Amino acid sequence: MWEEKDNKLVKTFEFKDFIEAFGFMTKVAIAAEKMDHHPNWSNVYNKVSIELTTHDAGNIVTKNDRKLAEIIDSLA
């Protein structure tokens, strides 16, 4: 479940291994590019931590963040 914290939607995804985590990141990157709305994220081995916020709106959570979060969930 996404958590709204410090004007960001945050969530950590855990996968079987690095290859699955990296594959997930690739799918998210393609979706984010199509939306022109890019996440802040990090990856350590099988975990991908994502923060979504809209920089152009003053670093707050907007409908674009919520839409991208839905898409990301569908890719996990």
PDB file of N, CA and C in Angstrom:
ATOM      1  N   MET A   1       0.840  -1.182   0.000  1.00  0.00           N
ATOM      2  CA  MET A   1       0.000   0.000   0.000  1.00  0.00           C
ATOM      3  C   MET A   1       0.887   1.249   0.000  1.00  0.00           C
ATOM      4  N   TRP A   2       0.523   2.199  -0.830  1.00  0.00           N
ATOM      5  CA  TRP A   2       1.236   3.464  -0.872  1.00  0.00           C
ATOM      6  C   TRP A   2       0.921   4.259   0.396  1.00  0.00           C
ATOM      7  N   GLU A   3       1.927   4.933   0.919  1.00  0.00           N
ATOM      8  CA  GLU A   3       1.769   5.776   2.102  1.00  0.00           C
ATOM      9  C   GLU A   3       2.047   7.218   1.692  1.00  0.00           C
ATOM     10  N   GLU A   4       1.198   8.140   2.105  1.00  0.00           N
ATOM     11  CA  GLU A   4       1.462   9.548   1.847  1.00  0.00           C
ATOM     12  C   GLU A   4       2.239  10.103   3.037  1.00  0.00           C
ATOM     13  N   LYS A   5       3.456  10.561   2.751  1.00  0.00           N
ATOM     14  CA  LYS A   5       4.354  10.995   3.818  1.00  0.00           C
ATOM     15  C   LYS A   5       5.224  12.128   3.293  1.00  0.00           C
ATOM     16  N   ASP A   6       5.270  13.223   4.015  1.00  0.00           N
ATOM     17  CA  ASP A   6       6.111  14.371   3.641  1.00  0.00           C
ATOM     18  C   ASP A   6       5.848  14.831   2.207  1.00  0.00           C
ATOM     19  N   ASN A   7       4.570  14.955   1.839  1.00  0.00           N
ATOM     20  CA  ASN A   7       4.170  15.389   0.499  1.00  0.00           C
ATOM     21  C   ASN A   7       4.672  14.471  -0.607  1.00  0.00           C
ATOM     22  N   LYS A   8       4.747  13.174  -0.310  1.00  0.00           N
ATOM     23  CA  LYS A   8       5.159  12.176  -1.295  1.00  0.00           C
ATOM     24  C   LYS A   8       4.327  10.922  -1.097  1.00  0.00           C
ATOM     25  N   LEU A   9       4.104  10.203  -2.187  1.00  0.00           N
ATOM     26  CA  LEU A   9       3.595   8.842  -2.084  1.00  0.00           C
ATOM     27  C   LEU A   9       4.819   7.936  -2.055  1.00  0.00           C
ATOM     28  N   VAL A  10       4.903   7.063  -1.066  1.00  0.00           N
ATOM     29  CA  VAL A  10       6.081   6.199  -0.925  1.00  0.00           C
ATOM     30  C   VAL A  10       5.666   4.737  -0.804  1.00  0.00           C
ATOM     31  N   LYS A  11       6.495   3.875  -1.394  1.00  0.00           N
ATOM     32  CA  LYS A  11       6.249   2.445  -1.305  1.00  0.00           C
ATOM     33  C   LYS A  11       7.541   1.713  -1.655  1.00  0.00           C
ATOM     34  N   THR A  12       7.754   0.579  -0.992  1.00  0.00           N
ATOM     35  CA  THR A  12       8.877  -0.292  -1.303  1.00  0.00           C
ATOM     36  C   THR A  12       8.349  -1.614  -1.815  1.00  0.00           C
ATOM     37  N   PHE A  13       8.896  -2.053  -2.927  1.00  0.00           N
ATOM     38  CA  PHE A  13       8.536  -3.321  -3.550  1.00  0.00           C
ATOM     39  C   PHE A  13       9.679  -4.301  -3.342  1.00  0.00           C
ATOM     40  N   GLU A  14       9.352  -5.554  -3.073  1.00  0.00           N
ATOM     41  CA  GLU A  14      10.369  -6.586  -2.875  1.00  0.00           C
ATOM     42  C   GLU A  14      10.145  -7.714  -3.879  1.00  0.00           C
ATOM     43  N   PHE A  15      11.245  -8.165  -4.481  1.00  0.00           N
ATOM     44  CA  PHE A  15      11.197  -9.181  -5.521  1.00  0.00           C
ATOM     45  C   PHE A  15      12.078 -10.365  -5.155  1.00  0.00           C
ATOM     46  N   LYS A  16      12.021 -11.397  -5.975  1.00  0.00           N
ATOM     47  CA  LYS A  16      12.788 -12.611  -5.724  1.00  0.00           C
ATOM     48  C   LYS A  16      14.288 -12.331  -5.758  1.00  0.00           C
ATOM     49  N   ASP A  17      14.720 -11.508  -6.704  1.00  0.00           N
ATOM     50  CA  ASP A  17      16.146 -11.241  -6.854  1.00  0.00           C
ATOM     51  C   ASP A  17      16.352  -9.925  -7.608  1.00  0.00           C
ATOM     52  N   PHE A  18      17.601  -9.614  -7.882  1.00  0.00           N
ATOM     53  CA  PHE A  18      17.955  -8.364  -8.547  1.00  0.00           C
ATOM     54  C   PHE A  18      17.378  -8.299  -9.964  1.00  0.00           C
ATOM     55  N   ILE A  19      17.415  -9.389 -10.680  1.00  0.00           N
ATOM     56  CA  ILE A  19      16.920  -9.401 -12.060  1.00  0.00           C
ATOM     57  C   ILE A  19      15.435  -9.048 -12.104  1.00  0.00           C
ATOM     58  N   GLU A  20      14.637  -9.614 -11.203  1.00  0.00           N
ATOM     59  CA  GLU A  20      13.206  -9.271 -11.168  1.00  0.00           C
ATOM     60  C   GLU A  20      13.012  -7.803 -10.789  1.00  0.00           C
ATOM     61  N   ALA A  21      13.783  -7.311  -9.837  1.00  0.00           N
ATOM     62  CA  ALA A  21      13.679  -5.905  -9.431  1.00  0.00           C
ATOM     63  C   ALA A  21      14.028  -4.988 -10.597  1.00  0.00           C
ATOM     64  N   PHE A  22      15.096  -5.325 -11.305  1.00  0.00           N
ATOM     65  CA  PHE A  22      15.521  -4.501 -12.430  1.00  0.00           C
ATOM     66  C   PHE A  22      14.506  -4.557 -13.573  1.00  0.00           C
ATOM     67  N   GLY A  23      13.930  -5.713 -13.815  1.00  0.00           N
ATOM     68  CA  GLY A  23      12.890  -5.829 -14.833  1.00  0.00           C
ATOM     69  C   GLY A  23      11.693  -4.952 -14.502  1.00  0.00           C
ATOM     70  N   PHE A  24      11.294  -4.950 -13.231  1.00  0.00           N
ATOM     71  CA  PHE A  24      10.203  -4.090 -12.764  1.00  0.00           C
ATOM     72  C   PHE A  24      10.550  -2.626 -13.008  1.00  0.00           C
ATOM     73  N   MET A  25      11.769  -2.232 -12.670  1.00  0.00           N
ATOM     74  CA  MET A  25      12.188  -0.844 -12.860  1.00  0.00           C
ATOM     75  C   MET A  25      12.138  -0.460 -14.337  1.00  0.00           C
ATOM     76  N   THR A  26      12.485  -1.378 -15.201  1.00  0.00           N
ATOM     77  CA  THR A  26      12.439  -1.104 -16.635  1.00  0.00           C
ATOM     78  C   THR A  26      11.010  -0.837 -17.083  1.00  0.00           C
ATOM     79  N   LYS A  27      10.075  -1.662 -16.629  1.00  0.00           N
ATOM     80  CA  LYS A  27       8.662  -1.461 -16.987  1.00  0.00           C
ATOM     81  C   LYS A  27       8.146  -0.130 -16.445  1.00  0.00           C
ATOM     82  N   VAL A  28       8.522   0.195 -15.212  1.00  0.00           N
ATOM     83  CA  VAL A  28       8.098   1.470 -14.622  1.00  0.00           C
ATOM     84  C   VAL A  28       8.702   2.638 -15.400  1.00  0.00           C
ATOM     85  N   ALA A  29       9.956   2.521 -15.794  1.00  0.00           N
ATOM     86  CA  ALA A  29      10.614   3.598 -16.544  1.00  0.00           C
ATOM     87  C   ALA A  29       9.873   3.883 -17.852  1.00  0.00           C
ATOM     88  N   ILE A  30       9.446   2.845 -18.543  1.00  0.00           N
ATOM     89  CA  ILE A  30       8.718   3.030 -19.804  1.00  0.00           C
ATOM     90  C   ILE A  30       7.382   3.721 -19.557  1.00  0.00           C
ATOM     91  N   ALA A  31       6.658   3.283 -18.539  1.00  0.00           N
ATOM     92  CA  ALA A  31       5.368   3.901 -18.209  1.00  0.00           C
ATOM     93  C   ALA A  31       5.543   5.354 -17.779  1.00  0.00           C
ATOM     94  N   ALA A  32       6.549   5.615 -16.961  1.00  0.00           N
ATOM     95  CA  ALA A  32       6.794   6.978 -16.477  1.00  0.00           C
ATOM     96  C   ALA A  32       7.168   7.904 -17.635  1.00  0.00           C
ATOM     97  N   GLU A  33       7.962   7.407 -18.547  1.00  0.00           N
ATOM     98  CA  GLU A  33       8.356   8.218 -19.706  1.00  0.00           C
ATOM     99  C   GLU A  33       7.149   8.564 -20.561  1.00  0.00           C
ATOM    100  N   LYS A  34       6.250   7.614 -20.746  1.00  0.00           N
ATOM    101  CA  LYS A  34       5.032   7.873 -21.520  1.00  0.00           C
ATOM    102  C   LYS A  34       4.192   8.965 -20.870  1.00  0.00           C
ATOM    103  N   MET A  35       4.182   8.994 -19.537  1.00  0.00           N
ATOM    104  CA  MET A  35       3.416  10.008 -18.803  1.00  0.00           C
ATOM    105  C   MET A  35       4.193  11.313 -18.647  1.00  0.00           C
ATOM    106  N   ASP A  36       5.486  11.289 -18.941  1.00  0.00           N
ATOM    107  CA  ASP A  36       6.384  12.412 -18.660  1.00  0.00           C
ATOM    108  C   ASP A  36       6.284  12.801 -17.179  1.00  0.00           C
ATOM    109  N   HIS A  37       6.278  11.755 -16.345  1.00  0.00           N
ATOM    110  CA  HIS A  37       6.166  11.935 -14.893  1.00  0.00           C
ATOM    111  C   HIS A  37       7.055  10.882 -14.238  1.00  0.00           C
ATOM    112  N   HIS A  38       8.179  11.299 -13.724  1.00  0.00           N
ATOM    113  CA  HIS A  38       9.236  10.365 -13.342  1.00  0.00           C
ATOM    114  C   HIS A  38       9.386  10.236 -11.827  1.00  0.00           C
ATOM    115  N   PRO A  39       9.574   9.009 -11.352  1.00  0.00           N
ATOM    116  CA  PRO A  39       9.697   8.780  -9.909  1.00  0.00           C
ATOM    117  C   PRO A  39      11.102   9.082  -9.390  1.00  0.00           C
ATOM    118  N   ASN A  40      11.165   9.339  -8.104  1.00  0.00           N
ATOM    119  CA  ASN A  40      12.431   9.274  -7.380  1.00  0.00           C
ATOM    120  C   ASN A  40      12.483   7.855  -6.837  1.00  0.00           C
ATOM    121  N   TRP A  41      13.593   7.157  -7.071  1.00  0.00           N
ATOM    122  CA  TRP A  41      13.628   5.765  -6.629  1.00  0.00           C
ATOM    123  C   TRP A  41      15.038   5.304  -6.346  1.00  0.00           C
ATOM    124  N   SER A  42      15.110   4.183  -5.659  1.00  0.00           N
ATOM    125  CA  SER A  42      16.399   3.544  -5.404  1.00  0.00           C
ATOM    126  C   SER A  42      16.199   2.036  -5.438  1.00  0.00           C
ATOM    127  N   ASN A  43      17.279   1.336  -5.714  1.00  0.00           N
ATOM    128  CA  ASN A  43      17.247  -0.118  -5.801  1.00  0.00           C
ATOM    129  C   ASN A  43      18.441  -0.675  -5.045  1.00  0.00           C
ATOM    130  N   VAL A  44      18.169  -1.613  -4.140  1.00  0.00           N
ATOM    131  CA  VAL A  44      19.213  -2.375  -3.470  1.00  0.00           C
ATOM    132  C   VAL A  44      18.819  -3.841  -3.594  1.00  0.00           C
ATOM    133  N   TYR A  45      19.592  -4.564  -4.379  1.00  0.00           N
ATOM    134  CA  TYR A  45      19.391  -5.971  -4.680  1.00  0.00           C
ATOM    135  C   TYR A  45      17.951  -6.260  -5.114  1.00  0.00           C
ATOM    136  N   ASN A  46      17.100  -6.769  -4.230  1.00  0.00           N
ATOM    137  CA  ASN A  46      15.746  -7.170  -4.638  1.00  0.00           C
ATOM    138  C   ASN A  46      14.675  -6.179  -4.191  1.00  0.00           C
ATOM    139  N   LYS A  47      15.065  -5.021  -3.696  1.00  0.00           N
ATOM    140  CA  LYS A  47      14.095  -4.031  -3.219  1.00  0.00           C
ATOM    141  C   LYS A  47      14.175  -2.756  -4.050  1.00  0.00           C
ATOM    142  N   VAL A  48      12.999  -2.237  -4.394  1.00  0.00           N
ATOM    143  CA  VAL A  48      12.887  -0.981  -5.122  1.00  0.00           C
ATOM    144  C   VAL A  48      12.016  -0.049  -4.284  1.00  0.00           C
ATOM    145  N   SER A  49      12.588   1.064  -3.850  1.00  0.00           N
ATOM    146  CA  SER A  49      11.849   2.066  -3.081  1.00  0.00           C
ATOM    147  C   SER A  49      11.522   3.234  -4.002  1.00  0.00           C
ATOM    148  N   ILE A  50      10.246   3.639  -3.982  1.00  0.00           N
ATOM    149  CA  ILE A  50       9.769   4.676  -4.896  1.00  0.00           C
ATOM    150  C   ILE A  50       9.113   5.803  -4.104  1.00  0.00           C
ATOM    151  N   GLU A  51       9.405   7.026  -4.518  1.00  0.00           N
ATOM    152  CA  GLU A  51       8.740   8.226  -4.007  1.00  0.00           C
ATOM    153  C   GLU A  51       8.153   8.972  -5.201  1.00  0.00           C
ATOM    154  N   LEU A  52       6.885   9.333  -5.090  1.00  0.00           N
ATOM    155  CA  LEU A  52       6.215  10.095  -6.138  1.00  0.00           C
ATOM    156  C   LEU A  52       5.779  11.442  -5.587  1.00  0.00           C
ATOM    157  N   THR A  53       6.129  12.490  -6.288  1.00  0.00           N
ATOM    158  CA  THR A  53       5.713  13.844  -5.964  1.00  0.00           C
ATOM    159  C   THR A  53       5.774  14.654  -7.256  1.00  0.00           C
ATOM    160  N   THR A  54       5.009  15.712  -7.344  1.00  0.00           N
ATOM    161  CA  THR A  54       5.005  16.526  -8.559  1.00  0.00           C
ATOM    162  C   THR A  54       5.819  17.779  -8.319  1.00  0.00           C
ATOM    163  N   HIS A  55       6.984  17.815  -8.934  1.00  0.00           N
ATOM    164  CA  HIS A  55       7.910  18.927  -8.738  1.00  0.00           C
ATOM    165  C   HIS A  55       7.326  20.240  -9.271  1.00  0.00           C
ATOM    166  N   ASP A  56       6.681  20.173 -10.437  1.00  0.00           N
ATOM    167  CA  ASP A  56       6.125  21.381 -11.063  1.00  0.00           C
ATOM    168  C   ASP A  56       4.996  21.998 -10.244  1.00  0.00           C
ATOM    169  N   ALA A  57       4.387  21.216  -9.341  1.00  0.00           N
ATOM    170  CA  ALA A  57       3.278  21.725  -8.523  1.00  0.00           C
ATOM    171  C   ALA A  57       3.763  22.120  -7.129  1.00  0.00           C
ATOM    172  N   GLY A  58       5.072  22.214  -6.943  1.00  0.00           N
ATOM    173  CA  GLY A  58       5.610  22.616  -5.640  1.00  0.00           C
ATOM    174  C   GLY A  58       5.902  21.439  -4.729  1.00  0.00           C
ATOM    175  N   ASN A  59       6.218  20.293  -5.341  1.00  0.00           N
ATOM    176  CA  ASN A  59       6.560  19.092  -4.572  1.00  0.00           C
ATOM    177  C   ASN A  59       5.430  18.638  -3.657  1.00  0.00           C
ATOM    178  N   ILE A  60       4.263  18.468  -4.257  1.00  0.00           N
ATOM    179  CA  ILE A  60       3.106  17.921  -3.545  1.00  0.00           C
ATOM    180  C   ILE A  60       2.582  16.711  -4.317  1.00  0.00           C
ATOM    181  N   VAL A  61       1.716  15.950  -3.691  1.00  0.00           N
ATOM    182  CA  VAL A  61       1.091  14.803  -4.344  1.00  0.00           C
ATOM    183  C   VAL A  61      -0.088  15.305  -5.172  1.00  0.00           C
ATOM    184  N   THR A  62      -0.093  14.922  -6.454  1.00  0.00           N
ATOM    185  CA  THR A  62      -1.171  15.326  -7.352  1.00  0.00           C
ATOM    186  C   THR A  62      -1.807  14.089  -7.986  1.00  0.00           C
ATOM    187  N   LYS A  63      -2.806  14.317  -8.824  1.00  0.00           N
ATOM    188  CA  LYS A  63      -3.469  13.210  -9.521  1.00  0.00           C
ATOM    189  C   LYS A  63      -2.484  12.452 -10.406  1.00  0.00           C
ATOM    190  N   ASN A  64      -1.466  13.122 -10.925  1.00  0.00           N
ATOM    191  CA  ASN A  64      -0.461  12.426 -11.735  1.00  0.00           C
ATOM    192  C   ASN A  64       0.297  11.399 -10.906  1.00  0.00           C
ATOM    193  N   ASP A  65       0.601  11.730  -9.670  1.00  0.00           N
ATOM    194  CA  ASP A  65       1.288  10.793  -8.782  1.00  0.00           C
ATOM    195  C   ASP A  65       0.395   9.594  -8.482  1.00  0.00           C
ATOM    196  N   ARG A  66      -0.857   9.862  -8.213  1.00  0.00           N
ATOM    197  CA  ARG A  66      -1.791   8.769  -7.903  1.00  0.00           C
ATOM    198  C   ARG A  66      -1.996   7.862  -9.117  1.00  0.00           C
ATOM    199  N   LYS A  67      -2.066   8.449 -10.307  1.00  0.00           N
ATOM    200  CA  LYS A  67      -2.228   7.656 -11.525  1.00  0.00           C
ATOM    201  C   LYS A  67      -0.978   6.793 -11.761  1.00  0.00           C
ATOM    202  N   LEU A  68       0.210   7.378 -11.608  1.00  0.00           N
ATOM    203  CA  LEU A  68       1.429   6.613 -11.798  1.00  0.00           C
ATOM    204  C   LEU A  68       1.536   5.510 -10.739  1.00  0.00           C
ATOM    205  N   ALA A  69       1.116   5.770  -9.523  1.00  0.00           N
ATOM    206  CA  ALA A  69       1.132   4.753  -8.474  1.00  0.00           C
ATOM    207  C   ALA A  69       0.254   3.571  -8.870  1.00  0.00           C
ATOM    208  N   GLU A  70      -0.921   3.836  -9.443  1.00  0.00           N
ATOM    209  CA  GLU A  70      -1.805   2.758  -9.907  1.00  0.00           C
ATOM    210  C   GLU A  70      -1.125   1.926 -10.986  1.00  0.00           C
ATOM    211  N   ILE A  71      -0.495   2.608 -11.911  1.00  0.00           N
ATOM    212  CA  ILE A  71       0.200   1.900 -13.007  1.00  0.00           C
ATOM    213  C   ILE A  71       1.335   1.060 -12.444  1.00  0.00           C
ATOM    214  N   ILE A  72       2.106   1.637 -11.529  1.00  0.00           N
ATOM    215  CA  ILE A  72       3.228   0.905 -10.931  1.00  0.00           C
ATOM    216  C   ILE A  72       2.722  -0.353 -10.218  1.00  0.00           C
ATOM    217  N   ASP A  73       1.637  -0.216  -9.472  1.00  0.00           N
ATOM    218  CA  ASP A  73       1.072  -1.394  -8.799  1.00  0.00           C
ATOM    219  C   ASP A  73       0.696  -2.479  -9.804  1.00  0.00           C
ATOM    220  N   SER A  74       0.185  -2.080 -10.950  1.00  0.00           N
ATOM    221  CA  SER A  74      -0.228  -3.070 -11.942  1.00  0.00           C
ATOM    222  C   SER A  74       0.969  -3.777 -12.587  1.00  0.00           C
ATOM    223  N   LEU A  75       2.149  -3.180 -12.483  1.00  0.00           N
ATOM    224  CA  LEU A  75       3.357  -3.758 -13.070  1.00  0.00           C
ATOM    225  C   LEU A  75       4.123  -4.650 -12.112  1.00  0.00           C
ATOM    226  N   ALA A  76       3.811  -4.562 -10.825  1.00  0.00           N
ATOM    227  CA  ALA A  76       4.566  -5.315  -9.810  1.00  0.00           C
ATOM    228  C   ALA A  76       4.213  -6.779  -9.836  1.00  0.00           C
TER     229      ALA A  76
END
